[in-house]
Amino acid sequence: MDPYPLDHYPHTKELQTRWMDNDIYGHVNNVVYYSYFDTVVNSYLIENKGLDIHESPIIGLVIETQCTYLAPIEFPMDITAGLKVSHLGNSSVRYEIGLFTKDPLKPVAQGYFVHVYVDRNTRKPTPIPDTLRQILKPLVKRSL
């Protein structure tokens, strides 16, 4: 995946690194990037009333992830996370995320994860409800 600039993503969210994110080598540990990915996706869904994490009859389970690390980040740093949807299927969504610090043209990391929406109780895949689909549609943007 070629690096995309920040304006490639229809939604952005400001994040900050935390003291606990740094590892012994003085930079944010690789696993923490995935928590930033999770934060930008789920905060978008919750803030736009697309998902009630406590009561919704469906939940999104992450079934695949990938991250390409392009430059280190550390504490303290401000991060802008860009979010888009590259695939909106019957029961699955592929979210693409870019993380940026100072330069909106050069991500420090980018990657994706895939949610499969399942019934909360049975854990069987279920179609994405229309209300959630309408919230995700503004994020759909074809790759350049």
C-alpha atoms as a PDB file:
ATOM      1  CA  MET A   1       0.000   0.000   0.000  1.00  0.00           C
ATOM      2  CA  ASP A   2       1.494   3.343  -1.056  1.00  0.00           C
ATOM      3  CA  PRO A   3       1.517   6.062   1.622  1.00  0.00           C
ATOM      4  CA  TYR A   4      -1.549   8.294   1.369  1.00  0.00           C
ATOM      5  CA  PRO A   5      -1.696  11.932   2.538  1.00  0.00           C
ATOM      6  CA  LEU A   6      -4.106  13.001   5.256  1.00  0.00           C
ATOM      7  CA  ASP A   7      -6.605  14.480   2.793  1.00  0.00           C
ATOM      8  CA  HIS A   8      -7.143  10.954   1.433  1.00  0.00           C
ATOM      9  CA  TYR A   9      -9.167  10.149   4.562  1.00  0.00           C
ATOM     10  CA  PRO A  10     -12.730  11.527   4.882  1.00  0.00           C
ATOM     11  CA  HIS A  11     -12.641  11.519   8.719  1.00  0.00           C
ATOM     12  CA  THR A  12      -9.911  12.558  11.160  1.00  0.00           C
ATOM     13  CA  LYS A  13      -9.492  12.327  14.907  1.00  0.00           C
ATOM     14  CA  GLU A  14      -6.891  13.938  17.126  1.00  0.00           C
ATOM     15  CA  LEU A  15      -5.070  11.565  19.484  1.00  0.00           C
ATOM     16  CA  GLN A  16      -2.147  11.916  21.875  1.00  0.00           C
ATOM     17  CA  THR A  17       0.529   9.472  22.777  1.00  0.00           C
ATOM     18  CA  ARG A  18       0.656   8.502  26.429  1.00  0.00           C
ATOM     19  CA  TRP A  19       3.619   7.945  28.740  1.00  0.00           C
ATOM     20  CA  MET A  20       2.749   4.258  28.942  1.00  0.00           C
ATOM     21  CA  ASP A  21       2.848   3.908  25.123  1.00  0.00           C
ATOM     22  CA  ASN A  22       6.659   4.171  24.987  1.00  0.00           C
ATOM     23  CA  ASP A  23       8.716   1.039  25.225  1.00  0.00           C
ATOM     24  CA  ILE A  24      12.240   0.478  26.499  1.00  0.00           C
ATOM     25  CA  TYR A  25      13.644   1.717  23.174  1.00  0.00           C
ATOM     26  CA  GLY A  26      12.096   5.182  23.665  1.00  0.00           C
ATOM     27  CA  HIS A  27       9.397   5.024  21.000  1.00  0.00           C
ATOM     28  CA  VAL A  28       5.761   3.961  20.907  1.00  0.00           C
ATOM     29  CA  ASN A  29       5.588   0.182  20.885  1.00  0.00           C
ATOM     30  CA  ASN A  30       4.260  -1.407  17.702  1.00  0.00           C
ATOM     31  CA  VAL A  31       1.195  -2.954  19.362  1.00  0.00           C
ATOM     32  CA  VAL A  32      -0.019   0.476  20.510  1.00  0.00           C
ATOM     33  CA  TYR A  33      -0.566   1.564  16.902  1.00  0.00           C
ATOM     34  CA  TYR A  34      -3.389  -0.979  16.734  1.00  0.00           C
ATOM     35  CA  SER A  35      -5.037   0.651  19.747  1.00  0.00           C
ATOM     36  CA  TYR A  36      -4.924   3.974  17.873  1.00  0.00           C
ATOM     37  CA  PHE A  37      -6.590   2.246  14.902  1.00  0.00           C
ATOM     38  CA  ASP A  38      -9.252   0.784  17.189  1.00  0.00           C
ATOM     39  CA  THR A  39      -9.816   4.162  18.855  1.00  0.00           C
ATOM     40  CA  VAL A  40     -10.423   6.098  15.634  1.00  0.00           C
ATOM     41  CA  VAL A  41     -12.838   3.478  14.250  1.00  0.00           C
ATOM     42  CA  ASN A  42     -14.849   2.827  17.385  1.00  0.00           C
ATOM     43  CA  SER A  43     -15.034   6.461  18.471  1.00  0.00           C
ATOM     44  CA  TYR A  44     -16.431   7.299  15.012  1.00  0.00           C
ATOM     45  CA  LEU A  45     -19.066   4.557  15.336  1.00  0.00           C
ATOM     46  CA  ILE A  46     -20.048   5.526  18.883  1.00  0.00           C
ATOM     47  CA  GLU A  47     -20.068   9.315  18.313  1.00  0.00           C
ATOM     48  CA  ASN A  48     -22.247   8.907  15.213  1.00  0.00           C
ATOM     49  CA  LYS A  49     -24.653   6.558  17.006  1.00  0.00           C
ATOM     50  CA  GLY A  50     -23.821   3.691  14.694  1.00  0.00           C
ATOM     51  CA  LEU A  51     -23.081   1.300  17.490  1.00  0.00           C
ATOM     52  CA  ASP A  52     -24.186   1.030  21.091  1.00  0.00           C
ATOM     53  CA  ILE A  53     -21.351  -0.999  22.601  1.00  0.00           C
ATOM     54  CA  HIS A  54     -23.478  -2.043  25.590  1.00  0.00           C
ATOM     55  CA  GLU A  55     -26.908  -2.719  24.065  1.00  0.00           C
ATOM     56  CA  SER A  56     -26.575  -3.267  20.320  1.00  0.00           C
ATOM     57  CA  PRO A  57     -27.736  -6.714  19.161  1.00  0.00           C
ATOM     58  CA  ILE A  58     -24.725  -6.793  16.799  1.00  0.00           C
ATOM     59  CA  ILE A  59     -21.046  -6.247  17.452  1.00  0.00           C
ATOM     60  CA  GLY A  60     -18.024  -5.862  15.201  1.00  0.00           C
ATOM     61  CA  LEU A  61     -15.269  -8.433  15.631  1.00  0.00           C
ATOM     62  CA  VAL A  62     -11.829  -7.714  14.195  1.00  0.00           C
ATOM     63  CA  ILE A  63     -10.797 -10.623  11.996  1.00  0.00           C
ATOM     64  CA  GLU A  64      -7.790  -9.173  10.160  1.00  0.00           C
ATOM     65  CA  THR A  65      -5.301  -6.379  10.761  1.00  0.00           C
ATOM     66  CA  GLN A  66      -2.191  -4.962   9.145  1.00  0.00           C
ATOM     67  CA  CYS A  67       0.090  -2.022   9.887  1.00  0.00           C
ATOM     68  CA  THR A  68       3.029  -0.565   7.984  1.00  0.00           C
ATOM     69  CA  TYR A  69       5.335   1.481  10.221  1.00  0.00           C
ATOM     70  CA  LEU A  70       6.869   4.385   8.334  1.00  0.00           C
ATOM     71  CA  ALA A  71       8.421   6.549  11.079  1.00  0.00           C
ATOM     72  CA  PRO A  72       8.715   6.300  14.875  1.00  0.00           C
ATOM     73  CA  ILE A  73       6.504   8.227  17.267  1.00  0.00           C
ATOM     74  CA  GLU A  74       7.057   8.811  20.956  1.00  0.00           C
ATOM     75  CA  PHE A  75       5.660  10.472  24.045  1.00  0.00           C
ATOM     76  CA  PRO A  76       4.692  13.301  24.028  1.00  0.00           C
ATOM     77  CA  MET A  77       3.325  13.671  20.506  1.00  0.00           C
ATOM     78  CA  ASP A  78       0.045  14.697  18.957  1.00  0.00           C
ATOM     79  CA  ILE A  79      -1.293  12.328  16.321  1.00  0.00           C
ATOM     80  CA  THR A  80      -3.957  12.864  13.692  1.00  0.00           C
ATOM     81  CA  ALA A  81      -5.649   9.632  12.674  1.00  0.00           C
ATOM     82  CA  GLY A  82      -7.287   9.505   9.247  1.00  0.00           C
ATOM     83  CA  LEU A  83     -10.094   7.033   8.588  1.00  0.00           C
ATOM     84  CA  LYS A  84     -11.771   5.727   5.466  1.00  0.00           C
ATOM     85  CA  VAL A  85     -13.769   2.662   4.435  1.00  0.00           C
ATOM     86  CA  SER A  86     -12.357   0.814   1.445  1.00  0.00           C
ATOM     87  CA  HIS A  87     -14.934  -2.007   1.462  1.00  0.00           C
ATOM     88  CA  LEU A  88     -18.490  -2.060   2.764  1.00  0.00           C
ATOM     89  CA  GLY A  89     -19.875  -5.545   2.347  1.00  0.00           C
ATOM     90  CA  ASN A  90     -22.932  -7.412   3.573  1.00  0.00           C
ATOM     91  CA  SER A  91     -21.533  -8.159   7.039  1.00  0.00           C
ATOM     92  CA  SER A  92     -17.961  -6.876   6.853  1.00  0.00           C
ATOM     93  CA  VAL A  93     -16.175  -3.533   6.659  1.00  0.00           C
ATOM     94  CA  ARG A  94     -12.553  -2.847   5.821  1.00  0.00           C
ATOM     95  CA  TYR A  95     -11.339   0.321   7.511  1.00  0.00           C
ATOM     96  CA  GLU A  96      -8.116   1.991   6.390  1.00  0.00           C
ATOM     97  CA  ILE A  97      -6.266   4.210   8.829  1.00  0.00           C
ATOM     98  CA  GLY A  98      -3.345   6.595   8.494  1.00  0.00           C
ATOM     99  CA  LEU A  99      -1.480   8.095  11.447  1.00  0.00           C
ATOM    100  CA  PHE A 100       0.179  11.501  11.035  1.00  0.00           C
ATOM    101  CA  THR A 101       2.242  13.752  13.293  1.00  0.00           C
ATOM    102  CA  LYS A 102       3.567  17.014  11.831  1.00  0.00           C
ATOM    103  CA  ASP A 103       3.410  16.481   8.063  1.00  0.00           C
ATOM    104  CA  PRO A 104      -0.049  15.834   6.548  1.00  0.00           C
ATOM    105  CA  LEU A 105       1.623  14.432   3.439  1.00  0.00           C
ATOM    106  CA  LYS A 106       3.677  11.769   5.220  1.00  0.00           C
ATOM    107  CA  PRO A 107       2.007   9.205   7.476  1.00  0.00           C
ATOM    108  CA  VAL A 108       4.040   7.693  10.297  1.00  0.00           C
ATOM    109  CA  ALA A 109       1.977   4.529   9.927  1.00  0.00           C
ATOM    110  CA  GLN A 110      -0.887   3.231   7.890  1.00  0.00           C
ATOM    111  CA  GLY A 111      -2.852   0.071   7.842  1.00  0.00           C
ATOM    112  CA  TYR A 112      -6.255  -1.478   8.015  1.00  0.00           C
ATOM    113  CA  PHE A 113      -8.517  -3.702   9.940  1.00  0.00           C
ATOM    114  CA  VAL A 114     -11.610  -5.664   9.042  1.00  0.00           C
ATOM    115  CA  HIS A 115     -14.730  -5.861  11.194  1.00  0.00           C
ATOM    116  CA  VAL A 116     -17.197  -8.674  10.660  1.00  0.00           C
ATOM    117  CA  TYR A 117     -20.503  -7.805  12.251  1.00  0.00           C
ATOM    118  CA  VAL A 118     -22.008 -10.652  14.208  1.00  0.00           C
ATOM    119  CA  ASP A 119     -24.979 -11.311  16.435  1.00  0.00           C
ATOM    120  CA  ARG A 120     -23.925 -10.420  19.985  1.00  0.00           C
ATOM    121  CA  ASN A 121     -25.207 -13.719  21.417  1.00  0.00           C
ATOM    122  CA  THR A 122     -24.607 -16.306  18.697  1.00  0.00           C
ATOM    123  CA  ARG A 123     -21.458 -14.716  17.208  1.00  0.00           C
ATOM    124  CA  LYS A 124     -22.746 -15.614  13.728  1.00  0.00           C
ATOM    125  CA  PRO A 125     -22.247 -13.065  10.924  1.00  0.00           C
ATOM    126  CA  THR A 126     -25.205 -10.787  10.378  1.00  0.00           C
ATOM    127  CA  PRO A 127     -25.983  -8.137   7.752  1.00  0.00           C
ATOM    128  CA  ILE A 128     -24.895  -4.609   8.642  1.00  0.00           C
ATOM    129  CA  PRO A 129     -28.049  -2.708   9.681  1.00  0.00           C
ATOM    130  CA  ASP A 130     -29.127   0.191   7.459  1.00  0.00           C
ATOM    131  CA  THR A 131     -28.534   2.727  10.249  1.00  0.00           C
ATOM    132  CA  LEU A 132     -24.908   1.648  10.578  1.00  0.00           C
ATOM    133  CA  ARG A 133     -24.500   1.420   6.801  1.00  0.00           C
ATOM    134  CA  GLN A 134     -25.655   5.053   6.454  1.00  0.00           C
ATOM    135  CA  ILE A 135     -23.044   6.139   9.007  1.00  0.00           C
ATOM    136  CA  LEU A 136     -20.294   4.254   7.169  1.00  0.00           C
ATOM    137  CA  LYS A 137     -21.158   5.459   3.640  1.00  0.00           C
ATOM    138  CA  PRO A 138     -19.556   8.922   4.067  1.00  0.00           C
ATOM    139  CA  LEU A 139     -16.255   7.135   4.817  1.00  0.00           C
ATOM    140  CA  VAL A 140     -16.284   5.133   1.596  1.00  0.00           C
ATOM    141  CA  LYS A 141     -13.595   6.458  -0.667  1.00  0.00           C
ATOM    142  CA  ARG A 142     -11.972   4.613  -3.502  1.00  0.00           C
ATOM    143  CA  SER A 143      -8.190   4.355  -3.551  1.00  0.00           C
ATOM    144  CA  LEU A 144      -6.304   6.768  -5.784  1.00  0.00           C
END
